[in-house]
PDB file of N, CA and C in Angstrom:
ATOM      1  N   UNK A   1       6.036 -13.304   5.341  1.00  0.00           N
ATOM      2  CA  UNK A   1       6.008 -13.633   3.922  1.00  0.00           C
ATOM      3  C   UNK A   1       7.427 -13.598   3.366  1.00  0.00           C
ATOM      4  N   UNK A   2       7.588 -14.205   2.227  1.00  0.00           N
ATOM      5  CA  UNK A   2       8.831 -14.099   1.466  1.00  0.00           C
ATOM      6  C   UNK A   2       8.479 -13.549   0.090  1.00  0.00           C
ATOM      7  N   UNK A   3       9.106 -12.434  -0.259  1.00  0.00           N
ATOM      8  CA  UNK A   3       8.856 -11.781  -1.544  1.00  0.00           C
ATOM      9  C   UNK A   3      10.201 -11.447  -2.167  1.00  0.00           C
ATOM     10  N   UNK A   4      10.374 -11.803  -3.424  1.00  0.00           N
ATOM     11  CA  UNK A   4      11.613 -11.520  -4.144  1.00  0.00           C
ATOM     12  C   UNK A   4      12.829 -12.074  -3.412  1.00  0.00           C
ATOM     13  N   UNK A   5      12.618 -13.156  -2.652  1.00  0.00           N
ATOM     14  CA  UNK A   5      13.702 -13.814  -1.954  1.00  0.00           C
ATOM     15  C   UNK A   5      14.036 -13.247  -0.582  1.00  0.00           C
ATOM     16  N   UNK A   6      13.240 -12.294  -0.097  1.00  0.00           N
ATOM     17  CA  UNK A   6      13.494 -11.670   1.203  1.00  0.00           C
ATOM     18  C   UNK A   6      12.288 -11.856   2.114  1.00  0.00           C
ATOM     19  N   UNK A   7      12.558 -12.069   3.399  1.00  0.00           N
ATOM     20  CA  UNK A   7      11.460 -12.262   4.345  1.00  0.00           C
ATOM     21  C   UNK A   7      10.979 -10.918   4.873  1.00  0.00           C
ATOM     22  N   UNK A   8       9.731 -10.914   5.306  1.00  0.00           N
ATOM     23  CA  UNK A   8       9.163  -9.683   5.845  1.00  0.00           C
ATOM     24  C   UNK A   8       7.718  -9.864   6.251  1.00  0.00           C
ATOM     25  N   UNK A   9       7.010  -8.765   6.258  1.00  0.00           N
ATOM     26  CA  UNK A   9       5.597  -8.735   6.655  1.00  0.00           C
ATOM     27  C   UNK A   9       4.756  -8.180   5.506  1.00  0.00           C
ATOM     28  N   UNK A  10       3.522  -8.634   5.434  1.00  0.00           N
ATOM     29  CA  UNK A  10       2.552  -8.102   4.471  1.00  0.00           C
ATOM     30  C   UNK A  10       1.410  -7.482   5.257  1.00  0.00           C
ATOM     31  N   UNK A  11       1.015  -6.295   4.864  1.00  0.00           N
ATOM     32  CA  UNK A  11      -0.061  -5.573   5.537  1.00  0.00           C
ATOM     33  C   UNK A  11      -0.989  -5.016   4.477  1.00  0.00           C
ATOM     34  N   UNK A  12      -2.299  -5.188   4.662  1.00  0.00           N
ATOM     35  CA  UNK A  12      -3.268  -4.622   3.734  1.00  0.00           C
ATOM     36  C   UNK A  12      -4.264  -3.786   4.515  1.00  0.00           C
ATOM     37  N   UNK A  13      -4.423  -2.545   4.089  1.00  0.00           N
ATOM     38  CA  UNK A  13      -5.400  -1.630   4.681  1.00  0.00           C
ATOM     39  C   UNK A  13      -6.516  -1.417   3.673  1.00  0.00           C
ATOM     40  N   UNK A  14      -7.763  -1.450   4.146  1.00  0.00           N
ATOM     41  CA  UNK A  14      -8.922  -1.258   3.267  1.00  0.00           C
ATOM     42  C   UNK A  14      -9.857  -0.231   3.882  1.00  0.00           C
ATOM     43  N   UNK A  15     -10.294   0.732   3.069  1.00  0.00           N
ATOM     44  CA  UNK A  15     -11.266   1.711   3.535  1.00  0.00           C
ATOM     45  C   UNK A  15     -12.576   0.971   3.810  1.00  0.00           C
ATOM     46  N   UNK A  16     -13.165   1.147   4.989  1.00  0.00           N
ATOM     47  CA  UNK A  16     -14.391   0.418   5.323  1.00  0.00           C
ATOM     48  C   UNK A  16     -15.560   0.815   4.427  1.00  0.00           C
ATOM     49  N   UNK A  17     -16.544  -0.078   4.369  1.00  0.00           N
ATOM     50  CA  UNK A  17     -17.730   0.180   3.547  1.00  0.00           C
ATOM     51  C   UNK A  17     -18.449   1.459   3.966  1.00  0.00           C
ATOM     52  N   UNK A  18     -18.314   1.833   5.234  1.00  0.00           N
ATOM     53  CA  UNK A  18     -18.944   3.080   5.687  1.00  0.00           C
ATOM     54  C   UNK A  18     -18.226   4.298   5.140  1.00  0.00           C
ATOM     55  N   UNK A  19     -17.062   4.079   4.500  1.00  0.00           N
ATOM     56  CA  UNK A  19     -16.304   5.182   3.925  1.00  0.00           C
ATOM     57  C   UNK A  19     -15.541   5.935   4.985  1.00  0.00           C
ATOM     58  N   UNK A  20     -15.190   7.152   4.666  1.00  0.00           N
ATOM     59  CA  UNK A  20     -14.376   7.951   5.570  1.00  0.00           C
ATOM     60  C   UNK A  20     -15.187   8.998   6.321  1.00  0.00           C
ATOM     61  N   UNK A  21     -16.503   9.019   6.092  1.00  0.00           N
ATOM     62  CA  UNK A  21     -17.349  10.037   6.727  1.00  0.00           C
ATOM     63  C   UNK A  21     -17.284   9.978   8.251  1.00  0.00           C
ATOM     64  N   UNK A  22     -17.105   8.778   8.804  1.00  0.00           N
ATOM     65  CA  UNK A  22     -17.059   8.628  10.262  1.00  0.00           C
ATOM     66  C   UNK A  22     -15.682   8.939  10.848  1.00  0.00           C
ATOM     67  N   UNK A  23     -14.710   9.189   9.993  1.00  0.00           N
ATOM     68  CA  UNK A  23     -13.355   9.475  10.470  1.00  0.00           C
ATOM     69  C   UNK A  23     -13.255  10.941  10.910  1.00  0.00           C
ATOM     70  N   UNK A  24     -12.286  11.212  11.758  1.00  0.00           N
ATOM     71  CA  UNK A  24     -12.083  12.577  12.244  1.00  0.00           C
ATOM     72  C   UNK A  24     -11.832  13.502  11.058  1.00  0.00           C
ATOM     73  N   UNK A  25     -12.609  14.548  10.965  1.00  0.00           N
ATOM     74  CA  UNK A  25     -12.526  15.522   9.866  1.00  0.00           C
ATOM     75  C   UNK A  25     -12.706  14.880   8.486  1.00  0.00           C
ATOM     76  N   UNK A  26     -13.333  13.705   8.430  1.00  0.00           N
ATOM     77  CA  UNK A  26     -13.549  13.025   7.162  1.00  0.00           C
ATOM     78  C   UNK A  26     -12.267  12.552   6.506  1.00  0.00           C
ATOM     79  N   UNK A  27     -11.221  12.324   7.306  1.00  0.00           N
ATOM     80  CA  UNK A  27      -9.932  11.895   6.782  1.00  0.00           C
ATOM     81  C   UNK A  27      -9.508  10.589   7.452  1.00  0.00           C
ATOM     82  N   UNK A  28      -9.091   9.618   6.651  1.00  0.00           N
ATOM     83  CA  UNK A  28      -8.594   8.350   7.156  1.00  0.00           C
ATOM     84  C   UNK A  28      -7.072   8.355   7.012  1.00  0.00           C
ATOM     85  N   UNK A  29      -6.384   8.461   8.126  1.00  0.00           N
ATOM     86  CA  UNK A  29      -4.916   8.512   8.136  1.00  0.00           C
ATOM     87  C   UNK A  29      -4.368   7.102   8.339  1.00  0.00           C
ATOM     88  N   UNK A  30      -3.310   6.754   7.565  1.00  0.00           N
ATOM     89  CA  UNK A  30      -2.807   5.391   7.680  1.00  0.00           C
ATOM     90  C   UNK A  30      -1.374   5.313   8.171  1.00  0.00           C
ATOM     91  N   UNK A  31      -0.444   5.980   7.565  1.00  0.00           N
ATOM     92  CA  UNK A  31       0.958   5.839   7.955  1.00  0.00           C
ATOM     93  C   UNK A  31       1.622   7.198   7.986  1.00  0.00           C
ATOM     94  N   UNK A  32       2.682   7.284   8.768  1.00  0.00           N
ATOM     95  CA  UNK A  32       3.375   8.550   8.990  1.00  0.00           C
ATOM     96  C   UNK A  32       4.701   8.546   8.240  1.00  0.00           C
ATOM     97  N   UNK A  33       4.977   9.652   7.575  1.00  0.00           N
ATOM     98  CA  UNK A  33       6.242   9.807   6.861  1.00  0.00           C
ATOM     99  C   UNK A  33       6.771  11.213   7.079  1.00  0.00           C
ATOM    100  N   UNK A  34       8.010  11.329   7.516  1.00  0.00           N
ATOM    101  CA  UNK A  34       8.600  12.666   7.650  1.00  0.00           C
ATOM    102  C   UNK A  34       8.605  13.410   6.316  1.00  0.00           C
ATOM    103  N   UNK A  35       8.687  12.672   5.201  1.00  0.00           N
ATOM    104  CA  UNK A  35       8.678  13.313   3.887  1.00  0.00           C
ATOM    105  C   UNK A  35       7.328  13.958   3.574  1.00  0.00           C
ATOM    106  N   UNK A  36       6.259  13.413   4.157  1.00  0.00           N
ATOM    107  CA  UNK A  36       4.917  13.981   3.983  1.00  0.00           C
ATOM    108  C   UNK A  36       4.647  15.109   4.960  1.00  0.00           C
ATOM    109  N   UNK A  37       5.485  15.231   5.960  1.00  0.00           N
ATOM    110  CA  UNK A  37       5.214  16.212   7.009  1.00  0.00           C
ATOM    111  C   UNK A  37       4.103  15.738   7.929  1.00  0.00           C
ATOM    112  N   UNK A  38       3.844  14.449   7.953  1.00  0.00           N
ATOM    113  CA  UNK A  38       2.791  13.878   8.795  1.00  0.00           C
ATOM    114  C   UNK A  38       2.301  12.574   8.213  1.00  0.00           C
ATOM    115  N   UNK A  39       1.015  12.334   8.364  1.00  0.00           N
ATOM    116  CA  UNK A  39       0.461  11.051   7.935  1.00  0.00           C
ATOM    117  C   UNK A  39      -0.142  11.125   6.537  1.00  0.00           C
ATOM    118  N   UNK A  40      -0.227   9.945   5.903  1.00  0.00           N
ATOM    119  CA  UNK A  40      -0.850   9.826   4.588  1.00  0.00           C
ATOM    120  C   UNK A  40      -2.351   9.698   4.771  1.00  0.00           C
ATOM    121  N   UNK A  41      -3.120  10.458   4.005  1.00  0.00           N
ATOM    122  CA  UNK A  41      -4.578  10.363   4.083  1.00  0.00           C
ATOM    123  C   UNK A  41      -5.224  10.633   2.736  1.00  0.00           C
ATOM    124  N   UNK A  42      -4.765   9.926   1.716  1.00  0.00           N
ATOM    125  CA  UNK A  42      -5.276  10.143   0.373  1.00  0.00           C
ATOM    126  C   UNK A  42      -6.433   9.253  -0.029  1.00  0.00           C
ATOM    127  N   UNK A  43      -7.083   8.622   0.924  1.00  0.00           N
ATOM    128  CA  UNK A  43      -8.190   7.726   0.605  1.00  0.00           C
ATOM    129  C   UNK A  43      -9.465   8.522   0.350  1.00  0.00           C
ATOM    130  N   UNK A  44     -10.308   7.983  -0.525  1.00  0.00           N
ATOM    131  CA  UNK A  44     -11.536   8.693  -0.837  1.00  0.00           C
ATOM    132  C   UNK A  44     -12.781   7.814  -0.843  1.00  0.00           C
ATOM    133  N   UNK A  45     -12.663   6.547  -1.270  1.00  0.00           N
ATOM    134  CA  UNK A  45     -13.857   5.713  -1.457  1.00  0.00           C
ATOM    135  C   UNK A  45     -13.775   4.401  -0.683  1.00  0.00           C
ATOM    136  N   UNK A  46     -14.943   3.881  -0.301  1.00  0.00           N
ATOM    137  CA  UNK A  46     -14.975   2.556   0.329  1.00  0.00           C
ATOM    138  C   UNK A  46     -14.347   1.511  -0.586  1.00  0.00           C
ATOM    139  N   UNK A  47     -13.628   0.578   0.028  1.00  0.00           N
ATOM    140  CA  UNK A  47     -13.027  -0.506  -0.725  1.00  0.00           C
ATOM    141  C   UNK A  47     -11.636  -0.229  -1.257  1.00  0.00           C
ATOM    142  N   UNK A  48     -11.190   1.043  -1.220  1.00  0.00           N
ATOM    143  CA  UNK A  48      -9.824   1.320  -1.657  1.00  0.00           C
ATOM    144  C   UNK A  48      -8.851   0.586  -0.746  1.00  0.00           C
ATOM    145  N   UNK A  49      -7.789   0.057  -1.330  1.00  0.00           N
ATOM    146  CA  UNK A  49      -6.827  -0.697  -0.545  1.00  0.00           C
ATOM    147  C   UNK A  49      -5.425  -0.149  -0.737  1.00  0.00           C
ATOM    148  N   UNK A  50      -4.619  -0.415   0.263  1.00  0.00           N
ATOM    149  CA  UNK A  50      -3.205  -0.092   0.213  1.00  0.00           C
ATOM    150  C   UNK A  50      -2.491  -1.302   0.800  1.00  0.00           C
ATOM    151  N   UNK A  51      -1.625  -1.903   0.004  1.00  0.00           N
ATOM    152  CA  UNK A  51      -0.882  -3.079   0.456  1.00  0.00           C
ATOM    153  C   UNK A  51       0.576  -2.714   0.626  1.00  0.00           C
ATOM    154  N   UNK A  52       1.176  -3.264   1.681  1.00  0.00           N
ATOM    155  CA  UNK A  52       2.583  -3.040   1.969  1.00  0.00           C
ATOM    156  C   UNK A  52       3.282  -4.382   2.138  1.00  0.00           C
ATOM    157  N   UNK A  53       4.495  -4.458   1.627  1.00  0.00           N
ATOM    158  CA  UNK A  53       5.406  -5.549   1.910  1.00  0.00           C
ATOM    159  C   UNK A  53       6.613  -4.888   2.560  1.00  0.00           C
ATOM    160  N   UNK A  54       6.867  -5.228   3.805  1.00  0.00           N
ATOM    161  CA  UNK A  54       7.961  -4.635   4.567  1.00  0.00           C
ATOM    162  C   UNK A  54       9.030  -5.715   4.680  1.00  0.00           C
ATOM    163  N   UNK A  55      10.111  -5.540   3.937  1.00  0.00           N
ATOM    164  CA  UNK A  55      11.110  -6.588   3.786  1.00  0.00           C
ATOM    165  C   UNK A  55      12.416  -6.234   4.492  1.00  0.00           C
ATOM    166  N   UNK A  56      13.114  -7.269   4.940  1.00  0.00           N
ATOM    167  CA  UNK A  56      14.456  -7.124   5.489  1.00  0.00           C
ATOM    168  C   UNK A  56      15.426  -7.523   4.380  1.00  0.00           C
ATOM    169  N   UNK A  57      16.081  -6.519   3.799  1.00  0.00           N
ATOM    170  CA  UNK A  57      17.049  -6.768   2.735  1.00  0.00           C
ATOM    171  C   UNK A  57      18.442  -6.614   3.332  1.00  0.00           C
ATOM    172  N   UNK A  58      18.956  -7.725   3.819  1.00  0.00           N
ATOM    173  CA  UNK A  58      20.281  -7.766   4.436  1.00  0.00           C
ATOM    174  C   UNK A  58      20.453  -6.662   5.488  1.00  0.00           C
ATOM    175  N   UNK A  59      19.459  -6.533   6.372  1.00  0.00           N
ATOM    176  CA  UNK A  59      19.526  -5.582   7.476  1.00  0.00           C
ATOM    177  C   UNK A  59      18.956  -4.205   7.172  1.00  0.00           C
ATOM    178  N   UNK A  60      18.539  -3.966   5.947  1.00  0.00           N
ATOM    179  CA  UNK A  60      17.927  -2.688   5.568  1.00  0.00           C
ATOM    180  C   UNK A  60      16.443  -2.913   5.319  1.00  0.00           C
ATOM    181  N   UNK A  61      15.609  -2.067   5.904  1.00  0.00           N
ATOM    182  CA  UNK A  61      14.163  -2.184   5.699  1.00  0.00           C
ATOM    183  C   UNK A  61      13.792  -1.582   4.343  1.00  0.00           C
ATOM    184  N   UNK A  62      13.043  -2.363   3.578  1.00  0.00           N
ATOM    185  CA  UNK A  62      12.540  -1.916   2.282  1.00  0.00           C
ATOM    186  C   UNK A  62      11.032  -2.080   2.297  1.00  0.00           C
ATOM    187  N   UNK A  63      10.309  -1.017   1.943  1.00  0.00           N
ATOM    188  CA  UNK A  63       8.853  -1.062   1.915  1.00  0.00           C
ATOM    189  C   UNK A  63       8.386  -0.925   0.473  1.00  0.00           C
ATOM    190  N   UNK A  64       7.607  -1.907   0.024  1.00  0.00           N
ATOM    191  CA  UNK A  64       6.973  -1.875  -1.288  1.00  0.00           C
ATOM    192  C   UNK A  64       5.480  -1.663  -1.080  1.00  0.00           C
ATOM    193  N   UNK A  65       4.835  -0.977  -2.005  1.00  0.00           N
ATOM    194  CA  UNK A  65       3.428  -0.613  -1.820  1.00  0.00           C
ATOM    195  C   UNK A  65       2.660  -0.766  -3.125  1.00  0.00           C
ATOM    196  N   UNK A  66       1.393  -1.182  -2.986  1.00  0.00           N
ATOM    197  CA  UNK A  66       0.438  -1.212  -4.096  1.00  0.00           C
ATOM    198  C   UNK A  66      -0.830  -0.511  -3.627  1.00  0.00           C
ATOM    199  N   UNK A  67      -1.406   0.322  -4.481  1.00  0.00           N
ATOM    200  CA  UNK A  67      -2.705   0.932  -4.208  1.00  0.00           C
ATOM    201  C   UNK A  67      -3.740   0.273  -5.104  1.00  0.00           C
ATOM    202  N   UNK A  68      -4.964   0.172  -4.623  1.00  0.00           N
ATOM    203  CA  UNK A  68      -6.023  -0.428  -5.418  1.00  0.00           C
ATOM    204  C   UNK A  68      -7.368   0.167  -5.114  1.00  0.00           C
ATOM    205  N   UNK A  69      -8.277   0.020  -6.064  1.00  0.00           N
ATOM    206  CA  UNK A  69      -9.639   0.517  -5.914  1.00  0.00           C
ATOM    207  C   UNK A  69     -10.581  -0.417  -6.659  1.00  0.00           C
ATOM    208  N   UNK A  70     -11.769  -0.665  -6.097  1.00  0.00           N
ATOM    209  CA  UNK A  70     -12.743  -1.500  -6.814  1.00  0.00           C
ATOM    210  C   UNK A  70     -13.124  -0.902  -8.168  1.00  0.00           C
ATOM    211  N   UNK A  71     -12.943   0.398  -8.320  1.00  0.00           N
ATOM    212  CA  UNK A  71     -13.290   1.072  -9.579  1.00  0.00           C
ATOM    213  C   UNK A  71     -12.181   1.004 -10.623  1.00  0.00           C
ATOM    214  N   UNK A  72     -11.016   0.481 -10.260  1.00  0.00           N
ATOM    215  CA  UNK A  72      -9.895   0.419 -11.200  1.00  0.00           C
ATOM    216  C   UNK A  72     -10.201  -0.541 -12.340  1.00  0.00           C
ATOM    217  N   UNK A  73      -9.973  -0.101 -13.581  1.00  0.00           N
ATOM    218  CA  UNK A  73     -10.165  -1.003 -14.717  1.00  0.00           C
ATOM    219  C   UNK A  73      -9.206  -2.193 -14.631  1.00  0.00           C
ATOM    220  N   UNK A  74      -9.652  -3.347 -15.062  1.00  0.00           N
ATOM    221  CA  UNK A  74      -8.859  -4.573 -14.983  1.00  0.00           C
ATOM    222  C   UNK A  74      -7.498  -4.420 -15.655  1.00  0.00           C
ATOM    223  N   UNK A  75      -7.443  -3.690 -16.775  1.00  0.00           N
ATOM    224  CA  UNK A  75      -6.163  -3.540 -17.463  1.00  0.00           C
ATOM    225  C   UNK A  75      -5.179  -2.695 -16.651  1.00  0.00           C
ATOM    226  N   UNK A  76      -5.676  -1.751 -15.858  1.00  0.00           N
ATOM    227  CA  UNK A  76      -4.793  -0.965 -14.985  1.00  0.00           C
ATOM    228  C   UNK A  76      -4.242  -1.831 -13.854  1.00  0.00           C
ATOM    229  N   UNK A  77      -5.099  -2.673 -13.291  1.00  0.00           N
ATOM    230  CA  UNK A  77      -4.667  -3.569 -12.221  1.00  0.00           C
ATOM    231  C   UNK A  77      -3.623  -4.556 -12.757  1.00  0.00           C
ATOM    232  N   UNK A  78      -3.858  -5.099 -13.941  1.00  0.00           N
ATOM    233  CA  UNK A  78      -2.908  -6.036 -14.540  1.00  0.00           C
ATOM    234  C   UNK A  78      -1.570  -5.355 -14.804  1.00  0.00           C
ATOM    235  N   UNK A  79      -1.593  -4.117 -15.273  1.00  0.00           N
ATOM    236  CA  UNK A  79      -0.351  -3.389 -15.524  1.00  0.00           C
ATOM    237  C   UNK A  79       0.390  -3.112 -14.214  1.00  0.00           C
ATOM    238  N   UNK A  80      -0.348  -2.690 -13.194  1.00  0.00           N
ATOM    239  CA  UNK A  80       0.261  -2.453 -11.876  1.00  0.00           C
ATOM    240  C   UNK A  80       0.923  -3.724 -11.353  1.00  0.00           C
ATOM    241  N   UNK A  81       0.214  -4.839 -11.443  1.00  0.00           N
ATOM    242  CA  UNK A  81       0.746  -6.106 -10.941  1.00  0.00           C
ATOM    243  C   UNK A  81       1.963  -6.566 -11.740  1.00  0.00           C
ATOM    244  N   UNK A  82       1.952  -6.347 -13.059  1.00  0.00           N
ATOM    245  CA  UNK A  82       3.101  -6.720 -13.891  1.00  0.00           C
ATOM    246  C   UNK A  82       4.323  -5.883 -13.517  1.00  0.00           C
ATOM    247  N   UNK A  83       4.118  -4.601 -13.253  1.00  0.00           N
ATOM    248  CA  UNK A  83       5.228  -3.733 -12.827  1.00  0.00           C
ATOM    249  C   UNK A  83       5.762  -4.213 -11.486  1.00  0.00           C
ATOM    250  N   UNK A  84       4.869  -4.492 -10.554  1.00  0.00           N
ATOM    251  CA  UNK A  84       5.290  -4.971  -9.232  1.00  0.00           C
ATOM    252  C   UNK A  84       6.083  -6.271  -9.364  1.00  0.00           C
ATOM    253  N   UNK A  85       5.568  -7.198 -10.166  1.00  0.00           N
ATOM    254  CA  UNK A  85       6.220  -8.497 -10.329  1.00  0.00           C
ATOM    255  C   UNK A  85       7.578  -8.395 -11.036  1.00  0.00           C
ATOM    256  N   UNK A  86       7.822  -7.279 -11.719  1.00  0.00           N
ATOM    257  CA  UNK A  86       9.093  -7.107 -12.422  1.00  0.00           C
ATOM    258  C   UNK A  86      10.202  -6.571 -11.519  1.00  0.00           C
ATOM    259  N   UNK A  87       9.895  -6.258 -10.275  1.00  0.00           N
ATOM    260  CA  UNK A  87      10.888  -5.711  -9.357  1.00  0.00           C
ATOM    261  C   UNK A  87      12.011  -6.712  -9.140  1.00  0.00           C
ATOM    262  N   UNK A  88      13.225  -6.219  -9.195  1.00  0.00           N
ATOM    263  CA  UNK A  88      14.405  -7.007  -8.883  1.00  0.00           C
ATOM    264  C   UNK A  88      15.190  -6.242  -7.830  1.00  0.00           C
ATOM    265  N   UNK A  89      15.518  -6.911  -6.725  1.00  0.00           N
ATOM    266  CA  UNK A  89      16.211  -6.265  -5.625  1.00  0.00           C
ATOM    267  C   UNK A  89      17.659  -6.754  -5.615  1.00  0.00           C
ATOM    268  N   UNK A  90      18.571  -5.800  -5.672  1.00  0.00           N
ATOM    269  CA  UNK A  90      19.998  -6.118  -5.590  1.00  0.00           C
ATOM    270  C   UNK A  90      20.569  -5.383  -4.400  1.00  0.00           C
ATOM    271  N   UNK A  91      20.908  -6.133  -3.349  1.00  0.00           N
ATOM    272  CA  UNK A  91      21.414  -5.462  -2.136  1.00  0.00           C
ATOM    273  C   UNK A  91      22.761  -4.786  -2.367  1.00  0.00           C
TER     274      UNK A  91
END
């Protein structure tokens, strides 16, 4: 994909309709961060999504993220999207 003028990858993770009950210890782990001390596992409900744009900004990896839920009010989603769309990247 190309986002904000930079090429990269887009990845979307969605909690399955079966939820997280079938996951080990009822936790769905998605990505690992040394800052977290391990993996992220903040999902709770079926249909929750996490989107990533992994961009190459002149040789530096930049990761942008959006979280979503089917229960999110439309005005919250619109505000989130407006904030995301307002991003300006200056290398």
